[in-house]
Amino acid sequence: MGSERERELRRRRKRKKKMGLLRKRAEKASSSEKEVLAAKIRQLTPGAEGLLKTMGLK
């Protein structure tokens, strides 16, 4: 299963990959889709509000 540090790194890498996919989807999304993506980002990561500002989402 791995040490706590390895699990932490695995979670971090997965979050980074998922954020990349969500960023690409947000560029092409309509306004209603952007709200859904913003909600998903809020669930995904604790620093979501800063990320949403830089991405131009609410």
PDB file of N, CA and C in Angstrom:
ATOM      1  N   MET A   1       0.816  -1.196   0.000  1.00  0.00           N
ATOM      2  CA  MET A   1       0.000   0.000   0.000  1.00  0.00           C
ATOM      3  C   MET A   1       0.858   1.257   0.000  1.00  0.00           C
ATOM      4  N   GLY A   2       2.023   1.208   0.612  1.00  0.00           N
ATOM      5  CA  GLY A   2       2.923   2.344   0.567  1.00  0.00           C
ATOM      6  C   GLY A   2       2.865   3.183   1.831  1.00  0.00           C
ATOM      7  N   SER A   3       3.862   3.991   1.974  1.00  0.00           N
ATOM      8  CA  SER A   3       3.925   4.860   3.136  1.00  0.00           C
ATOM      9  C   SER A   3       2.935   6.017   2.965  1.00  0.00           C
ATOM     10  N   GLU A   4       2.736   6.741   4.030  1.00  0.00           N
ATOM     11  CA  GLU A   4       1.817   7.888   3.989  1.00  0.00           C
ATOM     12  C   GLU A   4       2.301   8.915   2.972  1.00  0.00           C
ATOM     13  N   ARG A   5       3.606   9.101   2.908  1.00  0.00           N
ATOM     14  CA  ARG A   5       4.173  10.073   1.962  1.00  0.00           C
ATOM     15  C   ARG A   5       3.878   9.660   0.515  1.00  0.00           C
ATOM     16  N   GLU A   6       4.015   8.372   0.217  1.00  0.00           N
ATOM     17  CA  GLU A   6       3.728   7.894  -1.146  1.00  0.00           C
ATOM     18  C   GLU A   6       2.260   8.091  -1.495  1.00  0.00           C
ATOM     19  N   ARG A   7       1.378   7.825  -0.533  1.00  0.00           N
ATOM     20  CA  ARG A   7      -0.057   8.037  -0.784  1.00  0.00           C
ATOM     21  C   ARG A   7      -0.359   9.514  -0.998  1.00  0.00           C
ATOM     22  N   GLU A   8       0.308  10.362  -0.205  1.00  0.00           N
ATOM     23  CA  GLU A   8       0.134  11.806  -0.352  1.00  0.00           C
ATOM     24  C   GLU A   8       0.566  12.264  -1.738  1.00  0.00           C
ATOM     25  N   LEU A   9       1.715  11.784  -2.194  1.00  0.00           N
ATOM     26  CA  LEU A   9       2.214  12.153  -3.516  1.00  0.00           C
ATOM     27  C   LEU A   9       1.291  11.644  -4.622  1.00  0.00           C
ATOM     28  N   ARG A  10       0.772  10.436  -4.460  1.00  0.00           N
ATOM     29  CA  ARG A  10      -0.145   9.863  -5.445  1.00  0.00           C
ATOM     30  C   ARG A  10      -1.413  10.721  -5.552  1.00  0.00           C
ATOM     31  N   ARG A  11      -1.942  11.135  -4.389  1.00  0.00           N
ATOM     32  CA  ARG A  11      -3.132  12.001  -4.387  1.00  0.00           C
ATOM     33  C   ARG A  11      -2.830  13.326  -5.067  1.00  0.00           C
ATOM     34  N   ARG A  12      -1.642  13.880  -4.801  1.00  0.00           N
ATOM     35  CA  ARG A  12      -1.257  15.157  -5.379  1.00  0.00           C
ATOM     36  C   ARG A  12      -1.140  15.068  -6.904  1.00  0.00           C
ATOM     37  N   ARG A  13      -0.513  13.989  -7.379  1.00  0.00           N
ATOM     38  CA  ARG A  13      -0.351  13.811  -8.823  1.00  0.00           C
ATOM     39  C   ARG A  13      -1.697  13.618  -9.507  1.00  0.00           C
ATOM     40  N   LYS A  14      -2.575  12.863  -8.889  1.00  0.00           N
ATOM     41  CA  LYS A  14      -3.898  12.640  -9.464  1.00  0.00           C
ATOM     42  C   LYS A  14      -4.681  13.951  -9.510  1.00  0.00           C
ATOM     43  N   ARG A  15      -4.580  14.749  -8.443  1.00  0.00           N
ATOM     44  CA  ARG A  15      -5.271  16.045  -8.392  1.00  0.00           C
ATOM     45  C   ARG A  15      -4.740  16.968  -9.483  1.00  0.00           C
ATOM     46  N   LYS A  16      -3.430  16.951  -9.703  1.00  0.00           N
ATOM     47  CA  LYS A  16      -2.821  17.793 -10.732  1.00  0.00           C
ATOM     48  C   LYS A  16      -3.304  17.386 -12.121  1.00  0.00           C
ATOM     49  N   LYS A  17      -3.363  16.085 -12.371  1.00  0.00           N
ATOM     50  CA  LYS A  17      -3.826  15.582 -13.666  1.00  0.00           C
ATOM     51  C   LYS A  17      -5.293  15.947 -13.881  1.00  0.00           C
ATOM     52  N   LYS A  18      -6.112  15.776 -12.853  1.00  0.00           N
ATOM     53  CA  LYS A  18      -7.532  16.084 -12.936  1.00  0.00           C
ATOM     54  C   LYS A  18      -7.742  17.582 -13.173  1.00  0.00           C
ATOM     55  N   MET A  19      -6.947  18.421 -12.516  1.00  0.00           N
ATOM     56  CA  MET A  19      -7.069  19.870 -12.714  1.00  0.00           C
ATOM     57  C   MET A  19      -6.721  20.249 -14.145  1.00  0.00           C
ATOM     58  N   GLY A  20      -5.744  19.584 -14.738  1.00  0.00           N
ATOM     59  CA  GLY A  20      -5.398  19.860 -16.136  1.00  0.00           C
ATOM     60  C   GLY A  20      -6.558  19.550 -17.059  1.00  0.00           C
ATOM     61  N   LEU A  21      -7.231  18.430 -16.812  1.00  0.00           N
ATOM     62  CA  LEU A  21      -8.391  18.072 -17.630  1.00  0.00           C
ATOM     63  C   LEU A  21      -9.528  19.070 -17.444  1.00  0.00           C
ATOM     64  N   LEU A  22      -9.750  19.483 -16.192  1.00  0.00           N
ATOM     65  CA  LEU A  22     -10.832  20.438 -15.929  1.00  0.00           C
ATOM     66  C   LEU A  22     -10.529  21.802 -16.530  1.00  0.00           C
ATOM     67  N   ARG A  23      -9.259  22.208 -16.531  1.00  0.00           N
ATOM     68  CA  ARG A  23      -8.883  23.486 -17.160  1.00  0.00           C
ATOM     69  C   ARG A  23      -9.199  23.479 -18.653  1.00  0.00           C
ATOM     70  N   LYS A  24      -8.853  22.384 -19.323  1.00  0.00           N
ATOM     71  CA  LYS A  24      -9.123  22.286 -20.760  1.00  0.00           C
ATOM     72  C   LYS A  24     -10.614  22.336 -21.038  1.00  0.00           C
ATOM     73  N   ARG A  25     -11.390  21.644 -20.204  1.00  0.00           N
ATOM     74  CA  ARG A  25     -12.840  21.651 -20.391  1.00  0.00           C
ATOM     75  C   ARG A  25     -13.420  23.034 -20.122  1.00  0.00           C
ATOM     76  N   ALA A  26     -12.868  23.766 -19.165  1.00  0.00           N
ATOM     77  CA  ALA A  26     -13.376  25.085 -18.797  1.00  0.00           C
ATOM     78  C   ALA A  26     -13.158  26.104 -19.913  1.00  0.00           C
ATOM     79  N   GLU A  27     -12.092  25.957 -20.685  1.00  0.00           N
ATOM     80  CA  GLU A  27     -11.827  26.892 -21.778  1.00  0.00           C
ATOM     81  C   GLU A  27     -12.923  26.859 -22.828  1.00  0.00           C
ATOM     82  N   LYS A  28     -13.486  25.675 -23.076  1.00  0.00           N
ATOM     83  CA  LYS A  28     -14.479  25.505 -24.124  1.00  0.00           C
ATOM     84  C   LYS A  28     -15.913  25.518 -23.602  1.00  0.00           C
ATOM     85  N   ALA A  29     -16.087  25.597 -22.297  1.00  0.00           N
ATOM     86  CA  ALA A  29     -17.396  25.413 -21.685  1.00  0.00           C
ATOM     87  C   ALA A  29     -18.282  26.642 -21.790  1.00  0.00           C
ATOM     88  N   SER A  30     -19.588  26.399 -21.792  1.00  0.00           N
ATOM     89  CA  SER A  30     -20.563  27.490 -21.719  1.00  0.00           C
ATOM     90  C   SER A  30     -20.657  27.951 -20.265  1.00  0.00           C
ATOM     91  N   SER A  31     -21.436  28.981 -20.012  1.00  0.00           N
ATOM     92  CA  SER A  31     -21.494  29.529 -18.656  1.00  0.00           C
ATOM     93  C   SER A  31     -22.105  28.544 -17.666  1.00  0.00           C
ATOM     94  N   SER A  32     -23.113  27.790 -18.083  1.00  0.00           N
ATOM     95  CA  SER A  32     -23.713  26.823 -17.157  1.00  0.00           C
ATOM     96  C   SER A  32     -22.750  25.669 -16.875  1.00  0.00           C
ATOM     97  N   GLU A  33     -21.991  25.266 -17.876  1.00  0.00           N
ATOM     98  CA  GLU A  33     -21.002  24.204 -17.675  1.00  0.00           C
ATOM     99  C   GLU A  33     -19.870  24.691 -16.774  1.00  0.00           C
ATOM    100  N   LYS A  34     -19.540  25.969 -16.867  1.00  0.00           N
ATOM    101  CA  LYS A  34     -18.481  26.513 -16.023  1.00  0.00           C
ATOM    102  C   LYS A  34     -18.867  26.466 -14.553  1.00  0.00           C
ATOM    103  N   GLU A  35     -20.147  26.657 -14.253  1.00  0.00           N
ATOM    104  CA  GLU A  35     -20.599  26.568 -12.868  1.00  0.00           C
ATOM    105  C   GLU A  35     -20.431  25.146 -12.334  1.00  0.00           C
ATOM    106  N   VAL A  36     -20.751  24.166 -13.166  1.00  0.00           N
ATOM    107  CA  VAL A  36     -20.601  22.766 -12.775  1.00  0.00           C
ATOM    108  C   VAL A  36     -19.123  22.442 -12.553  1.00  0.00           C
ATOM    109  N   LEU A  37     -18.274  22.914 -13.455  1.00  0.00           N
ATOM    110  CA  LEU A  37     -16.835  22.667 -13.317  1.00  0.00           C
ATOM    111  C   LEU A  37     -16.279  23.340 -12.061  1.00  0.00           C
ATOM    112  N   ALA A  38     -16.772  24.538 -11.754  1.00  0.00           N
ATOM    113  CA  ALA A  38     -16.318  25.233 -10.548  1.00  0.00           C
ATOM    114  C   ALA A  38     -16.681  24.431  -9.301  1.00  0.00           C
ATOM    115  N   ALA A  39     -17.862  23.845  -9.285  1.00  0.00           N
ATOM    116  CA  ALA A  39     -18.271  23.021  -8.149  1.00  0.00           C
ATOM    117  C   ALA A  39     -17.366  21.795  -8.022  1.00  0.00           C
ATOM    118  N   LYS A  40     -17.017  21.189  -9.145  1.00  0.00           N
ATOM    119  CA  LYS A  40     -16.137  20.019  -9.118  1.00  0.00           C
ATOM    120  C   LYS A  40     -14.752  20.394  -8.597  1.00  0.00           C
ATOM    121  N   ILE A  41     -14.263  21.552  -9.002  1.00  0.00           N
ATOM    122  CA  ILE A  41     -12.946  22.004  -8.549  1.00  0.00           C
ATOM    123  C   ILE A  41     -12.969  22.273  -7.049  1.00  0.00           C
ATOM    124  N   ARG A  42     -14.067  22.860  -6.554  1.00  0.00           N
ATOM    125  CA  ARG A  42     -14.178  23.114  -5.116  1.00  0.00           C
ATOM    126  C   ARG A  42     -14.123  21.816  -4.322  1.00  0.00           C
ATOM    127  N   GLN A  43     -14.738  20.764  -4.838  1.00  0.00           N
ATOM    128  CA  GLN A  43     -14.704  19.476  -4.153  1.00  0.00           C
ATOM    129  C   GLN A  43     -13.316  18.844  -4.226  1.00  0.00           C
ATOM    130  N   LEU A  44     -12.606  19.104  -5.302  1.00  0.00           N
ATOM    131  CA  LEU A  44     -11.345  18.433  -5.563  1.00  0.00           C
ATOM    132  C   LEU A  44     -10.208  18.918  -4.674  1.00  0.00           C
ATOM    133  N   THR A  45     -10.115  20.207  -4.452  1.00  0.00           N
ATOM    134  CA  THR A  45      -8.924  20.743  -3.809  1.00  0.00           C
ATOM    135  C   THR A  45      -9.250  21.825  -2.783  1.00  0.00           C
ATOM    136  N   PRO A  46      -8.466  21.913  -1.702  1.00  0.00           N
ATOM    137  CA  PRO A  46      -8.722  22.910  -0.670  1.00  0.00           C
ATOM    138  C   PRO A  46      -8.425  24.352  -1.108  1.00  0.00           C
ATOM    139  N   GLY A  47      -7.505  24.560  -2.027  1.00  0.00           N
ATOM    140  CA  GLY A  47      -7.162  25.911  -2.474  1.00  0.00           C
ATOM    141  C   GLY A  47      -7.955  26.334  -3.691  1.00  0.00           C
ATOM    142  N   ALA A  48      -9.196  25.920  -3.761  1.00  0.00           N
ATOM    143  CA  ALA A  48     -10.000  26.077  -4.966  1.00  0.00           C
ATOM    144  C   ALA A  48     -10.305  27.532  -5.317  1.00  0.00           C
ATOM    145  N   GLU A  49     -10.553  28.364  -4.331  1.00  0.00           N
ATOM    146  CA  GLU A  49     -10.975  29.733  -4.632  1.00  0.00           C
ATOM    147  C   GLU A  49      -9.894  30.506  -5.393  1.00  0.00           C
ATOM    148  N   GLY A  50      -8.654  30.324  -5.015  1.00  0.00           N
ATOM    149  CA  GLY A  50      -7.561  30.972  -5.739  1.00  0.00           C
ATOM    150  C   GLY A  50      -7.445  30.461  -7.159  1.00  0.00           C
ATOM    151  N   LEU A  51      -7.612  29.156  -7.329  1.00  0.00           N
ATOM    152  CA  LEU A  51      -7.552  28.567  -8.665  1.00  0.00           C
ATOM    153  C   LEU A  51      -8.686  29.069  -9.541  1.00  0.00           C
ATOM    154  N   LEU A  52      -9.865  29.186  -8.962  1.00  0.00           N
ATOM    155  CA  LEU A  52     -11.025  29.639  -9.733  1.00  0.00           C
ATOM    156  C   LEU A  52     -10.828  31.079 -10.204  1.00  0.00           C
ATOM    157  N   LYS A  53     -10.221  31.904  -9.364  1.00  0.00           N
ATOM    158  CA  LYS A  53      -9.950  33.293  -9.761  1.00  0.00           C
ATOM    159  C   LYS A  53      -8.991  33.345 -10.952  1.00  0.00           C
ATOM    160  N   THR A  54      -7.919  32.553 -10.877  1.00  0.00           N
ATOM    161  CA  THR A  54      -6.943  32.575 -11.970  1.00  0.00           C
ATOM    162  C   THR A  54      -7.504  31.998 -13.251  1.00  0.00           C
ATOM    163  N   MET A  55      -8.461  31.059 -13.112  1.00  0.00           N
ATOM    164  CA  MET A  55      -9.073  30.442 -14.291  1.00  0.00           C
ATOM    165  C   MET A  55     -10.218  31.286 -14.840  1.00  0.00           C
ATOM    166  N   GLY A  56     -10.662  32.293 -14.086  1.00  0.00           N
ATOM    167  CA  GLY A  56     -11.752  33.141 -14.544  1.00  0.00           C
ATOM    168  C   GLY A  56     -13.124  32.535 -14.310  1.00  0.00           C
ATOM    169  N   LEU A  57     -13.224  31.627 -13.357  1.00  0.00           N
ATOM    170  CA  LEU A  57     -14.512  31.009 -13.015  1.00  0.00           C
ATOM    171  C   LEU A  57     -15.020  31.623 -11.722  1.00  0.00           C
ATOM    172  N   LYS A  58     -16.297  31.448 -11.446  1.00  0.00           N
ATOM    173  CA  LYS A  58     -16.869  31.993 -10.213  1.00  0.00           C
ATOM    174  C   LYS A  58     -16.695  31.045  -9.068  1.00  0.00           C
TER     175      LYS A  58
END
